[in-house]
Amino acid sequence: MRLYLLGLLALFSSVTAAYTLEQFQFDDPKQTLQFQKLIEELRCLVCQNESLASSQADLAQDLRAEVYEMMQSGKSREEIVDFLVARYGDFVLYDPPLKPATYPLWFGPLLLGILGLLIWVRVIRSKKRAADRELSEAERQRLQELLQDADGDGKQA
């Protein structure tokens, strides 16, 4: 049993170790912080809700390595971001710039919320109109018959 548990521990520790940031070493601690900050600001294109720093996807690992290599070669933060945006689009940024191509990202949720609110108001109003509607003569007669039948049943009991 111990051997089995040790085997599982070794398996899981190797998987998690494969995604640590320790493999990216810089000579300058300031550059290490810049690297960590940059990969926190970039979105994993596979996971979409995780940064490159926290994602375990293969693509995220490749992009971390690519950012590392670019930083090692002396590229600035802006050059790296521009390269990734040119290659993958503004979606790679957690905070995309406001421009016509990103309007759906910025305003889509708001428009969907407004649309939902309008539909909800319309449904409520139509239900209120249906409840306030007057009965036709045939409906009144049917209602009177039902009420008389109910009163008649109640008197016999």
Protein backbone atom coordinates (compact mmCIF):
# COMPACT_ATOMS: atom_id res chain seq x y z
CA MET A 1 0.00 0.00 0.00
CA ARG A 2 2.84 2.39 0.84
CA LEU A 3 4.50 1.71 -2.47
CA TYR A 4 1.24 2.48 -4.26
CA LEU A 5 0.83 5.80 -2.40
CA LEU A 6 4.45 6.73 -3.06
CA GLY A 7 3.93 6.00 -6.74
CA LEU A 8 0.85 8.23 -6.85
CA LEU A 9 2.68 10.99 -4.99
CA ALA A 10 5.58 10.79 -7.44
CA LEU A 11 3.19 10.88 -10.39
CA PHE A 12 1.27 13.93 -9.19
CA SER A 13 4.35 15.81 -8.03
CA SER A 14 5.97 15.42 -11.44
CA VAL A 15 2.82 16.70 -13.17
CA THR A 16 2.59 19.77 -10.97
CA ALA A 17 6.32 20.40 -11.16
CA ALA A 18 6.09 20.51 -14.95
CA TYR A 19 4.01 23.69 -14.71
CA THR A 20 5.98 25.69 -12.17
CA LEU A 21 7.72 28.89 -13.07
CA GLU A 22 11.01 27.77 -11.55
CA GLN A 23 12.32 26.70 -14.94
CA PHE A 24 12.38 30.34 -16.02
CA GLN A 25 15.48 31.83 -14.40
CA PHE A 26 16.67 35.39 -14.90
CA ASP A 27 19.90 37.00 -13.78
CA ASP A 28 18.06 40.06 -12.49
CA PRO A 29 15.29 39.66 -9.85
CA LYS A 30 13.58 42.70 -11.34
CA GLN A 31 13.31 40.91 -14.67
CA THR A 32 11.83 37.88 -12.89
CA LEU A 33 9.11 40.10 -11.42
CA GLN A 34 8.46 41.69 -14.83
CA PHE A 35 8.13 38.21 -16.37
CA GLN A 36 5.71 37.06 -13.66
CA LYS A 37 3.63 40.24 -13.97
CA LEU A 38 3.49 39.95 -17.76
CA ILE A 39 2.35 36.34 -17.82
CA GLU A 40 -0.32 37.21 -15.21
CA GLU A 41 -1.66 39.89 -17.59
CA LEU A 42 -1.86 37.52 -20.57
CA ARG A 43 -4.81 35.16 -21.04
CA CYS A 44 -4.45 31.48 -21.82
CA LEU A 45 -6.12 30.99 -25.19
CA VAL A 46 -7.17 27.44 -24.31
CA CYS A 47 -8.53 28.01 -20.79
CA GLN A 48 -9.74 31.58 -21.45
CA ASN A 49 -10.39 32.23 -17.77
CA GLU A 50 -6.84 31.70 -16.60
CA SER A 51 -3.67 33.66 -17.05
CA LEU A 52 -0.60 32.19 -18.69
CA ALA A 53 0.94 32.00 -15.23
CA SER A 54 -1.76 29.78 -13.77
CA SER A 55 -2.80 27.71 -16.78
CA GLN A 56 -1.64 24.13 -17.17
CA ALA A 57 -2.50 23.91 -20.87
CA ASP A 58 0.27 22.95 -23.28
CA LEU A 59 -0.25 26.14 -25.25
CA ALA A 60 0.19 28.21 -22.08
CA GLN A 61 3.45 26.39 -21.36
CA ASP A 62 4.63 27.14 -24.90
CA LEU A 63 3.64 30.80 -24.62
CA ARG A 64 5.40 31.15 -21.25
CA ALA A 65 8.54 29.74 -22.86
CA GLU A 66 8.14 32.08 -25.82
CA VAL A 67 7.73 35.11 -23.55
CA TYR A 68 10.77 33.97 -21.57
CA GLU A 69 12.89 33.64 -24.72
CA MET A 70 11.78 37.05 -25.96
CA MET A 71 12.66 38.63 -22.63
CA GLN A 72 16.02 36.87 -22.62
CA SER A 73 16.72 38.26 -26.09
CA GLY A 74 16.14 41.80 -24.79
CA LYS A 75 12.65 42.51 -26.12
CA SER A 76 10.61 45.04 -24.17
CA ARG A 77 7.23 44.35 -22.58
CA GLU A 78 5.52 46.35 -25.32
CA GLU A 79 7.28 44.43 -28.08
CA ILE A 80 6.26 41.11 -26.52
CA VAL A 81 2.63 42.20 -26.07
CA ASP A 82 2.51 43.60 -29.62
CA PHE A 83 3.88 40.32 -30.98
CA LEU A 84 1.32 38.23 -29.09
CA VAL A 85 -1.57 40.51 -30.06
CA ALA A 86 -0.50 40.43 -33.71
CA ARG A 87 -0.34 36.66 -33.58
CA TYR A 88 -3.39 35.81 -31.40
CA GLY A 89 -5.52 38.96 -31.37
CA ASP A 90 -6.63 41.21 -28.52
CA PHE A 91 -8.25 38.27 -26.74
CA VAL A 92 -4.81 37.29 -25.41
CA LEU A 93 -5.01 40.37 -23.17
CA TYR A 94 -7.07 40.30 -19.97
CA ASP A 95 -7.68 44.03 -20.44
CA PRO A 96 -8.07 44.53 -24.21
CA PRO A 97 -7.97 48.08 -25.58
CA LEU A 98 -11.23 49.82 -26.44
CA LYS A 99 -11.48 49.86 -30.24
CA PRO A 100 -14.11 48.77 -32.78
CA ALA A 101 -12.76 45.23 -32.98
CA THR A 102 -13.12 44.77 -29.20
CA TYR A 103 -16.54 46.39 -28.79
CA PRO A 104 -18.21 42.95 -28.45
CA LEU A 105 -15.83 42.10 -25.59
CA TRP A 106 -16.54 45.36 -23.80
CA PHE A 107 -20.21 45.96 -24.55
CA GLY A 108 -21.57 42.47 -25.33
CA PRO A 109 -22.42 41.57 -21.72
CA LEU A 110 -24.08 44.94 -21.17
CA LEU A 111 -26.18 44.60 -24.32
CA LEU A 112 -27.22 41.07 -23.38
CA GLY A 113 -28.25 42.31 -19.92
CA ILE A 114 -30.32 45.14 -21.41
CA LEU A 115 -31.93 42.73 -23.88
CA GLY A 116 -32.80 40.34 -21.05
CA LEU A 117 -34.29 43.19 -19.03
CA LEU A 118 -36.41 44.34 -22.00
CA ILE A 119 -37.71 40.81 -22.58
CA TRP A 120 -38.51 40.43 -18.88
CA VAL A 121 -40.43 43.77 -18.83
CA ARG A 122 -42.35 42.79 -21.96
CA VAL A 123 -43.35 39.40 -20.51
CA ILE A 124 -44.50 41.01 -17.24
CA ARG A 125 -46.55 43.61 -19.11
CA SER A 126 -48.19 41.03 -21.35
CA LYS A 127 -49.14 38.92 -18.32
CA LYS A 128 -50.59 42.00 -16.61
CA ARG A 129 -52.60 42.88 -19.74
CA ALA A 130 -53.90 39.32 -19.92
CA ALA A 131 -54.95 39.46 -16.27
CA ASP A 132 -56.64 42.87 -16.67
CA ARG A 133 -58.54 41.88 -19.80
CA GLU A 134 -62.33 41.90 -19.50
CA LEU A 135 -64.27 38.69 -19.91
CA SER A 136 -66.38 38.10 -23.00
CA GLU A 137 -70.10 37.41 -22.64
CA ALA A 138 -69.54 33.68 -23.25
CA GLU A 139 -66.81 33.60 -20.59
CA ARG A 140 -69.09 35.39 -18.10
CA GLN A 141 -71.88 32.90 -18.67
CA ARG A 142 -69.46 29.98 -18.23
CA LEU A 143 -68.14 31.55 -15.02
CA GLN A 144 -71.67 32.01 -13.68
CA GLU A 145 -72.48 28.37 -14.45
CA LEU A 146 -69.32 27.19 -12.67
CA LEU A 147 -70.09 29.37 -9.64
CA GLN A 148 -73.69 28.12 -9.48
CA ASP A 149 -72.50 24.53 -9.74
CA ALA A 150 -70.01 25.13 -6.95
CA ASP A 151 -72.69 26.75 -4.77
CA GLY A 152 -75.08 23.96 -5.50
CA ASP A 153 -72.50 21.31 -4.54
CA GLY A 154 -71.65 23.16 -1.34
CA LYS A 155 -75.36 23.31 -0.25
CA GLN A 156 -75.88 19.59 -0.65
CA ALA A 157 -72.93 18.64 1.57
